[in-house]
Amino acid sequence: MRRATWLSHNIPHFQNDGGHRVIEVGVKEFMCTGASAPFDHPHIFIDMGDDNEKVCSYCSTLYRFNSTLKPSQTNPA
């Protein structure tokens, strides 16, 4: 399950409980938390900038931008 939660400043937080190699997201700036607590890693800010993909340096999840998704959506959902 990938879930986006919204905290201050409207930065979505994504987690990869399913262990998927690639997750498409609808934003280019977000936090990766790894998995749900207690299996999470340090929450890190990821900014794709001009790129359309970034790998989390902790969990190696490849996040890929998909402009057809809403900011809180992921694929797989």
PDB file of N, CA and C in Angstrom:
ATOM      1  N   MET A   1       0.842  -1.170   0.000  1.00  0.00           N
ATOM      2  CA  MET A   1       0.000   0.000   0.000  1.00  0.00           C
ATOM      3  C   MET A   1       0.890   1.236   0.000  1.00  0.00           C
ATOM      4  N   ARG A   2       0.660   2.139  -0.894  1.00  0.00           N
ATOM      5  CA  ARG A   2       1.306   3.429  -0.903  1.00  0.00           C
ATOM      6  C   ARG A   2       0.279   4.420  -0.412  1.00  0.00           C
ATOM      7  N   ARG A   3       0.680   5.240   0.469  1.00  0.00           N
ATOM      8  CA  ARG A   3      -0.266   6.186   1.033  1.00  0.00           C
ATOM      9  C   ARG A   3       0.388   7.546   1.067  1.00  0.00           C
ATOM     10  N   ALA A   4      -0.385   8.537   0.718  1.00  0.00           N
ATOM     11  CA  ALA A   4       0.104   9.905   0.825  1.00  0.00           C
ATOM     12  C   ALA A   4      -0.587  10.554   2.012  1.00  0.00           C
ATOM     13  N   THR A   5       0.184  11.145   2.881  1.00  0.00           N
ATOM     14  CA  THR A   5      -0.369  11.921   3.976  1.00  0.00           C
ATOM     15  C   THR A   5       0.113  13.346   3.807  1.00  0.00           C
ATOM     16  N   TRP A   6      -0.681  14.289   4.231  1.00  0.00           N
ATOM     17  CA  TRP A   6      -0.346  15.701   4.057  1.00  0.00           C
ATOM     18  C   TRP A   6      -0.074  16.318   5.415  1.00  0.00           C
ATOM     19  N   LEU A   7       1.086  16.916   5.551  1.00  0.00           N
ATOM     20  CA  LEU A   7       1.432  17.621   6.766  1.00  0.00           C
ATOM     21  C   LEU A   7       1.527  19.101   6.429  1.00  0.00           C
ATOM     22  N   SER A   8       2.205  19.865   7.245  1.00  0.00           N
ATOM     23  CA  SER A   8       2.313  21.292   6.993  1.00  0.00           C
ATOM     24  C   SER A   8       2.962  21.554   5.645  1.00  0.00           C
ATOM     25  N   HIS A   9       2.635  22.652   5.063  1.00  0.00           N
ATOM     26  CA  HIS A   9       3.178  23.117   3.786  1.00  0.00           C
ATOM     27  C   HIS A   9       2.750  22.248   2.606  1.00  0.00           C
ATOM     28  N   ASN A  10       1.758  21.401   2.774  1.00  0.00           N
ATOM     29  CA  ASN A  10       1.222  20.589   1.686  1.00  0.00           C
ATOM     30  C   ASN A  10       2.264  19.733   0.985  1.00  0.00           C
ATOM     31  N   ILE A  11       3.191  19.169   1.722  1.00  0.00           N
ATOM     32  CA  ILE A  11       4.180  18.252   1.161  1.00  0.00           C
ATOM     33  C   ILE A  11       3.667  16.828   1.375  1.00  0.00           C
ATOM     34  N   PRO A  12       3.357  16.092   0.297  1.00  0.00           N
ATOM     35  CA  PRO A  12       2.878  14.721   0.485  1.00  0.00           C
ATOM     36  C   PRO A  12       3.992  13.808   0.989  1.00  0.00           C
ATOM     37  N   HIS A  13       3.602  12.840   1.795  1.00  0.00           N
ATOM     38  CA  HIS A  13       4.518  11.827   2.330  1.00  0.00           C
ATOM     39  C   HIS A  13       4.089  10.482   1.749  1.00  0.00           C
ATOM     40  N   PHE A  14       4.987   9.819   1.030  1.00  0.00           N
ATOM     41  CA  PHE A  14       4.671   8.532   0.419  1.00  0.00           C
ATOM     42  C   PHE A  14       5.431   7.417   1.117  1.00  0.00           C
ATOM     43  N   GLN A  15       4.793   6.255   1.193  1.00  0.00           N
ATOM     44  CA  GLN A  15       5.436   5.078   1.764  1.00  0.00           C
ATOM     45  C   GLN A  15       5.176   3.897   0.841  1.00  0.00           C
ATOM     46  N   ASN A  16       6.061   2.919   0.914  1.00  0.00           N
ATOM     47  CA  ASN A  16       6.027   1.780   0.006  1.00  0.00           C
ATOM     48  C   ASN A  16       5.916   0.484   0.800  1.00  0.00           C
ATOM     49  N   ASP A  17       4.767   0.270   1.417  1.00  0.00           N
ATOM     50  CA  ASP A  17       4.563  -0.940   2.216  1.00  0.00           C
ATOM     51  C   ASP A  17       4.597  -2.207   1.368  1.00  0.00           C
ATOM     52  N   GLY A  18       4.256  -2.099   0.088  1.00  0.00           N
ATOM     53  CA  GLY A  18       4.218  -3.266  -0.790  1.00  0.00           C
ATOM     54  C   GLY A  18       5.563  -3.650  -1.362  1.00  0.00           C
ATOM     55  N   GLY A  19       6.577  -2.833  -1.139  1.00  0.00           N
ATOM     56  CA  GLY A  19       7.906  -3.138  -1.649  1.00  0.00           C
ATOM     57  C   GLY A  19       8.028  -3.052  -3.158  1.00  0.00           C
ATOM     58  N   HIS A  20       7.229  -2.195  -3.779  1.00  0.00           N
ATOM     59  CA  HIS A  20       7.278  -2.037  -5.235  1.00  0.00           C
ATOM     60  C   HIS A  20       8.586  -1.374  -5.661  1.00  0.00           C
ATOM     61  N   ARG A  21       9.114  -1.780  -6.799  1.00  0.00           N
ATOM     62  CA  ARG A  21      10.354  -1.203  -7.311  1.00  0.00           C
ATOM     63  C   ARG A  21      10.121   0.206  -7.842  1.00  0.00           C
ATOM     64  N   VAL A  22       8.966   0.433  -8.502  1.00  0.00           N
ATOM     65  CA  VAL A  22       8.647   1.730  -9.103  1.00  0.00           C
ATOM     66  C   VAL A  22       7.277   2.176  -8.621  1.00  0.00           C
ATOM     67  N   ILE A  23       7.179   3.446  -8.239  1.00  0.00           N
ATOM     68  CA  ILE A  23       5.901   4.050  -7.877  1.00  0.00           C
ATOM     69  C   ILE A  23       5.768   5.351  -8.653  1.00  0.00           C
ATOM     70  N   GLU A  24       4.672   5.493  -9.374  1.00  0.00           N
ATOM     71  CA  GLU A  24       4.380   6.743 -10.065  1.00  0.00           C
ATOM     72  C   GLU A  24       3.655   7.669  -9.099  1.00  0.00           C
ATOM     73  N   VAL A  25       4.032   8.944  -9.122  1.00  0.00           N
ATOM     74  CA  VAL A  25       3.430   9.944  -8.240  1.00  0.00           C
ATOM     75  C   VAL A  25       3.027  11.164  -9.058  1.00  0.00           C
ATOM     76  N   GLY A  26       2.092  11.939  -8.531  1.00  0.00           N
ATOM     77  CA  GLY A  26       1.583  13.108  -9.232  1.00  0.00           C
ATOM     78  C   GLY A  26       2.239  14.412  -8.826  1.00  0.00           C
ATOM     79  N   VAL A  27       3.343  14.357  -8.105  1.00  0.00           N
ATOM     80  CA  VAL A  27       4.080  15.555  -7.679  1.00  0.00           C
ATOM     81  C   VAL A  27       5.573  15.319  -7.880  1.00  0.00           C
ATOM     82  N   LYS A  28       6.325  16.409  -7.896  1.00  0.00           N
ATOM     83  CA  LYS A  28       7.776  16.300  -8.049  1.00  0.00           C
ATOM     84  C   LYS A  28       8.528  16.630  -6.766  1.00  0.00           C
ATOM     85  N   GLU A  29       7.813  17.062  -5.734  1.00  0.00           N
ATOM     86  CA  GLU A  29       8.409  17.348  -4.427  1.00  0.00           C
ATOM     87  C   GLU A  29       7.587  16.631  -3.372  1.00  0.00           C
ATOM     88  N   PHE A  30       8.246  15.782  -2.573  1.00  0.00           N
ATOM     89  CA  PHE A  30       7.529  14.967  -1.594  1.00  0.00           C
ATOM     90  C   PHE A  30       8.514  14.388  -0.593  1.00  0.00           C
ATOM     91  N   MET A  31       7.979  13.720   0.418  1.00  0.00           N
ATOM     92  CA  MET A  31       8.785  13.009   1.407  1.00  0.00           C
ATOM     93  C   MET A  31       8.598  11.511   1.182  1.00  0.00           C
ATOM     94  N   CYS A  32       9.697  10.767   1.266  1.00  0.00           N
ATOM     95  CA  CYS A  32       9.630   9.304   1.268  1.00  0.00           C
ATOM     96  C   CYS A  32       9.855   8.859   2.708  1.00  0.00           C
ATOM     97  N   THR A  33       8.949   8.016   3.202  1.00  0.00           N
ATOM     98  CA  THR A  33       9.068   7.506   4.570  1.00  0.00           C
ATOM     99  C   THR A  33       9.443   6.032   4.604  1.00  0.00           C
ATOM    100  N   GLY A  34       9.621   5.427   3.437  1.00  0.00           N
ATOM    101  CA  GLY A  34       9.961   4.006   3.377  1.00  0.00           C
ATOM    102  C   GLY A  34       8.728   3.149   3.484  1.00  0.00           C
ATOM    103  N   ALA A  35       8.373   2.751   4.686  1.00  0.00           N
ATOM    104  CA  ALA A  35       7.189   1.940   4.955  1.00  0.00           C
ATOM    105  C   ALA A  35       6.509   2.498   6.201  1.00  0.00           C
ATOM    106  N   SER A  36       5.396   1.909   6.555  1.00  0.00           N
ATOM    107  CA  SER A  36       4.693   2.339   7.766  1.00  0.00           C
ATOM    108  C   SER A  36       5.539   2.027   8.997  1.00  0.00           C
ATOM    109  N   ALA A  37       5.413   2.868  10.013  1.00  0.00           N
ATOM    110  CA  ALA A  37       6.110   2.628  11.285  1.00  0.00           C
ATOM    111  C   ALA A  37       5.673   1.271  11.830  1.00  0.00           C
ATOM    112  N   PRO A  38       6.516   0.518  12.417  1.00  0.00           N
ATOM    113  CA  PRO A  38       7.884   0.820  12.825  1.00  0.00           C
ATOM    114  C   PRO A  38       8.934   0.451  11.772  1.00  0.00           C
ATOM    115  N   PHE A  39       8.532   0.198  10.540  1.00  0.00           N
ATOM    116  CA  PHE A  39       9.459  -0.237   9.493  1.00  0.00           C
ATOM    117  C   PHE A  39       9.887   0.903   8.578  1.00  0.00           C
ATOM    118  N   ASP A  40       9.670   2.136   9.010  1.00  0.00           N
ATOM    119  CA  ASP A  40      10.024   3.290   8.190  1.00  0.00           C
ATOM    120  C   ASP A  40      11.518   3.576   8.278  1.00  0.00           C
ATOM    121  N   HIS A  41      11.979   4.453   7.394  1.00  0.00           N
ATOM    122  CA  HIS A  41      13.363   4.930   7.443  1.00  0.00           C
ATOM    123  C   HIS A  41      13.309   6.427   7.716  1.00  0.00           C
ATOM    124  N   PRO A  42      14.429   7.082   7.927  1.00  0.00           N
ATOM    125  CA  PRO A  42      14.373   8.540   8.109  1.00  0.00           C
ATOM    126  C   PRO A  42      13.605   9.182   6.951  1.00  0.00           C
ATOM    127  N   HIS A  43      12.698  10.050   7.282  1.00  0.00           N
ATOM    128  CA  HIS A  43      11.853  10.675   6.269  1.00  0.00           C
ATOM    129  C   HIS A  43      12.678  11.712   5.517  1.00  0.00           C
ATOM    130  N   ILE A  44      12.814  11.502   4.198  1.00  0.00           N
ATOM    131  CA  ILE A  44      13.660  12.404   3.422  1.00  0.00           C
ATOM    132  C   ILE A  44      12.851  13.128   2.356  1.00  0.00           C
ATOM    133  N   PHE A  45      13.236  14.373   2.123  1.00  0.00           N
ATOM    134  CA  PHE A  45      12.609  15.199   1.104  1.00  0.00           C
ATOM    135  C   PHE A  45      13.231  14.854  -0.239  1.00  0.00           C
ATOM    136  N   ILE A  46      12.392  14.598  -1.227  1.00  0.00           N
ATOM    137  CA  ILE A  46      12.859  14.320  -2.584  1.00  0.00           C
ATOM    138  C   ILE A  46      12.300  15.389  -3.506  1.00  0.00           C
ATOM    139  N   ASP A  47      13.173  16.019  -4.262  1.00  0.00           N
ATOM    140  CA  ASP A  47      12.804  17.041  -5.240  1.00  0.00           C
ATOM    141  C   ASP A  47      13.319  16.577  -6.595  1.00  0.00           C
ATOM    142  N   MET A  48      12.421  16.270  -7.512  1.00  0.00           N
ATOM    143  CA  MET A  48      12.821  15.788  -8.828  1.00  0.00           C
ATOM    144  C   MET A  48      13.394  16.889  -9.714  1.00  0.00           C
ATOM    145  N   GLY A  49      13.089  18.140  -9.388  1.00  0.00           N
ATOM    146  CA  GLY A  49      13.582  19.230 -10.223  1.00  0.00           C
ATOM    147  C   GLY A  49      13.108  19.071 -11.656  1.00  0.00           C
ATOM    148  N   ASP A  50      14.024  19.143 -12.612  1.00  0.00           N
ATOM    149  CA  ASP A  50      13.680  19.002 -14.029  1.00  0.00           C
ATOM    150  C   ASP A  50      13.565  17.544 -14.464  1.00  0.00           C
ATOM    151  N   ASP A  51      13.970  16.620 -13.593  1.00  0.00           N
ATOM    152  CA  ASP A  51      13.902  15.195 -13.929  1.00  0.00           C
ATOM    153  C   ASP A  51      12.489  14.665 -13.714  1.00  0.00           C
ATOM    154  N   ASN A  52      12.217  13.502 -14.264  1.00  0.00           N
ATOM    155  CA  ASN A  52      10.927  12.846 -14.068  1.00  0.00           C
ATOM    156  C   ASN A  52      11.029  11.592 -13.215  1.00  0.00           C
ATOM    157  N   GLU A  53      12.235  11.287 -12.716  1.00  0.00           N
ATOM    158  CA  GLU A  53      12.444  10.128 -11.860  1.00  0.00           C
ATOM    159  C   GLU A  53      13.494  10.446 -10.806  1.00  0.00           C
ATOM    160  N   LYS A  54      13.314   9.863  -9.626  1.00  0.00           N
ATOM    161  CA  LYS A  54      14.323   9.939  -8.558  1.00  0.00           C
ATOM    162  C   LYS A  54      14.242   8.662  -7.746  1.00  0.00           C
ATOM    163  N   VAL A  55      15.397   8.218  -7.252  1.00  0.00           N
ATOM    164  CA  VAL A  55      15.475   7.034  -6.402  1.00  0.00           C
ATOM    165  C   VAL A  55      15.688   7.483  -4.964  1.00  0.00           C
ATOM    166  N   CYS A  56      14.923   6.902  -4.043  1.00  0.00           N
ATOM    167  CA  CYS A  56      15.125   7.179  -2.624  1.00  0.00           C
ATOM    168  C   CYS A  56      16.446   6.543  -2.200  1.00  0.00           C
ATOM    169  N   SER A  57      17.289   7.328  -1.565  1.00  0.00           N
ATOM    170  CA  SER A  57      18.608   6.839  -1.168  1.00  0.00           C
ATOM    171  C   SER A  57      18.555   5.846  -0.004  1.00  0.00           C
ATOM    172  N   TYR A  58      17.422   5.754   0.687  1.00  0.00           N
ATOM    173  CA  TYR A  58      17.297   4.797   1.791  1.00  0.00           C
ATOM    174  C   TYR A  58      16.679   3.474   1.353  1.00  0.00           C
ATOM    175  N   CYS A  59      15.538   3.526   0.671  1.00  0.00           N
ATOM    176  CA  CYS A  59      14.814   2.284   0.361  1.00  0.00           C
ATOM    177  C   CYS A  59      14.925   1.864  -1.101  1.00  0.00           C
ATOM    178  N   SER A  60      15.572   2.683  -1.915  1.00  0.00           N
ATOM    179  CA  SER A  60      15.795   2.397  -3.341  1.00  0.00           C
ATOM    180  C   SER A  60      14.521   2.354  -4.168  1.00  0.00           C
ATOM    181  N   THR A  61      13.417   2.877  -3.652  1.00  0.00           N
ATOM    182  CA  THR A  61      12.207   2.989  -4.453  1.00  0.00           C
ATOM    183  C   THR A  61      12.445   4.014  -5.548  1.00  0.00           C
ATOM    184  N   LEU A  62      12.104   3.654  -6.781  1.00  0.00           N
ATOM    185  CA  LEU A  62      12.176   4.595  -7.893  1.00  0.00           C
ATOM    186  C   LEU A  62      10.836   5.300  -7.988  1.00  0.00           C
ATOM    187  N   TYR A  63      10.841   6.603  -7.786  1.00  0.00           N
ATOM    188  CA  TYR A  63       9.637   7.416  -7.927  1.00  0.00           C
ATOM    189  C   TYR A  63       9.654   8.032  -9.312  1.00  0.00           C
ATOM    190  N   ARG A  64       8.541   7.885 -10.026  1.00  0.00           N
ATOM    191  CA  ARG A  64       8.425   8.395 -11.391  1.00  0.00           C
ATOM    192  C   ARG A  64       7.236   9.353 -11.456  1.00  0.00           C
ATOM    193  N   PHE A  65       7.468  10.562 -11.970  1.00  0.00           N
ATOM    194  CA  PHE A  65       6.407  11.557 -12.096  1.00  0.00           C
ATOM    195  C   PHE A  65       5.450  11.165 -13.213  1.00  0.00           C
ATOM    196  N   ASN A  66       4.154  11.267 -12.916  1.00  0.00           N
ATOM    197  CA  ASN A  66       3.094  11.013 -13.890  1.00  0.00           C
ATOM    198  C   ASN A  66       2.118  12.175 -13.784  1.00  0.00           C
ATOM    199  N   SER A  67       2.108  13.039 -14.790  1.00  0.00           N
ATOM    200  CA  SER A  67       1.303  14.266 -14.740  1.00  0.00           C
ATOM    201  C   SER A  67      -0.194  14.004 -14.764  1.00  0.00           C
ATOM    202  N   THR A  68      -0.632  12.790 -15.072  1.00  0.00           N
ATOM    203  CA  THR A  68      -2.063  12.493 -15.080  1.00  0.00           C
ATOM    204  C   THR A  68      -2.591  12.153 -13.687  1.00  0.00           C
ATOM    205  N   LEU A  69      -1.685  11.968 -12.718  1.00  0.00           N
ATOM    206  CA  LEU A  69      -2.099  11.660 -11.346  1.00  0.00           C
ATOM    207  C   LEU A  69      -2.299  12.934 -10.542  1.00  0.00           C
ATOM    208  N   LYS A  70      -3.232  12.898  -9.608  1.00  0.00           N
ATOM    209  CA  LYS A  70      -3.416  14.007  -8.669  1.00  0.00           C
ATOM    210  C   LYS A  70      -2.268  13.979  -7.662  1.00  0.00           C
ATOM    211  N   PRO A  71      -2.014  15.092  -6.972  1.00  0.00           N
ATOM    212  CA  PRO A  71      -0.884  15.147  -6.032  1.00  0.00           C
ATOM    213  C   PRO A  71      -0.882  14.061  -4.960  1.00  0.00           C
ATOM    214  N   SER A  72      -2.025  13.576  -4.556  1.00  0.00           N
ATOM    215  CA  SER A  72      -2.078  12.550  -3.507  1.00  0.00           C
ATOM    216  C   SER A  72      -2.175  11.132  -4.065  1.00  0.00           C
ATOM    217  N   GLN A  73      -2.198  10.984  -5.385  1.00  0.00           N
ATOM    218  CA  GLN A  73      -2.351   9.666  -5.994  1.00  0.00           C
ATOM    219  C   GLN A  73      -1.010   9.008  -6.302  1.00  0.00           C
ATOM    220  N   THR A  74      -1.023   7.674  -6.305  1.00  0.00           N
ATOM    221  CA  THR A  74       0.139   6.887  -6.718  1.00  0.00           C
ATOM    222  C   THR A  74      -0.325   5.759  -7.630  1.00  0.00           C
ATOM    223  N   ASN A  75       0.599   5.232  -8.392  1.00  0.00           N
ATOM    224  CA  ASN A  75       0.336   4.064  -9.215  1.00  0.00           C
ATOM    225  C   ASN A  75       1.543   3.147  -9.089  1.00  0.00           C
ATOM    226  N   PRO A  76       1.404   1.930  -8.560  1.00  0.00           N
ATOM    227  CA  PRO A  76       0.152   1.323  -8.133  1.00  0.00           C
ATOM    228  C   PRO A  76      -0.435   2.040  -6.917  1.00  0.00           C
ATOM    229  N   ALA A  77      -1.760   1.968  -6.828  1.00  0.00           N
ATOM    230  CA  ALA A  77      -2.482   2.680  -5.763  1.00  0.00           C
ATOM    231  C   ALA A  77      -2.418   1.945  -4.447  1.00  0.00           C
TER     232      ALA A  77
END
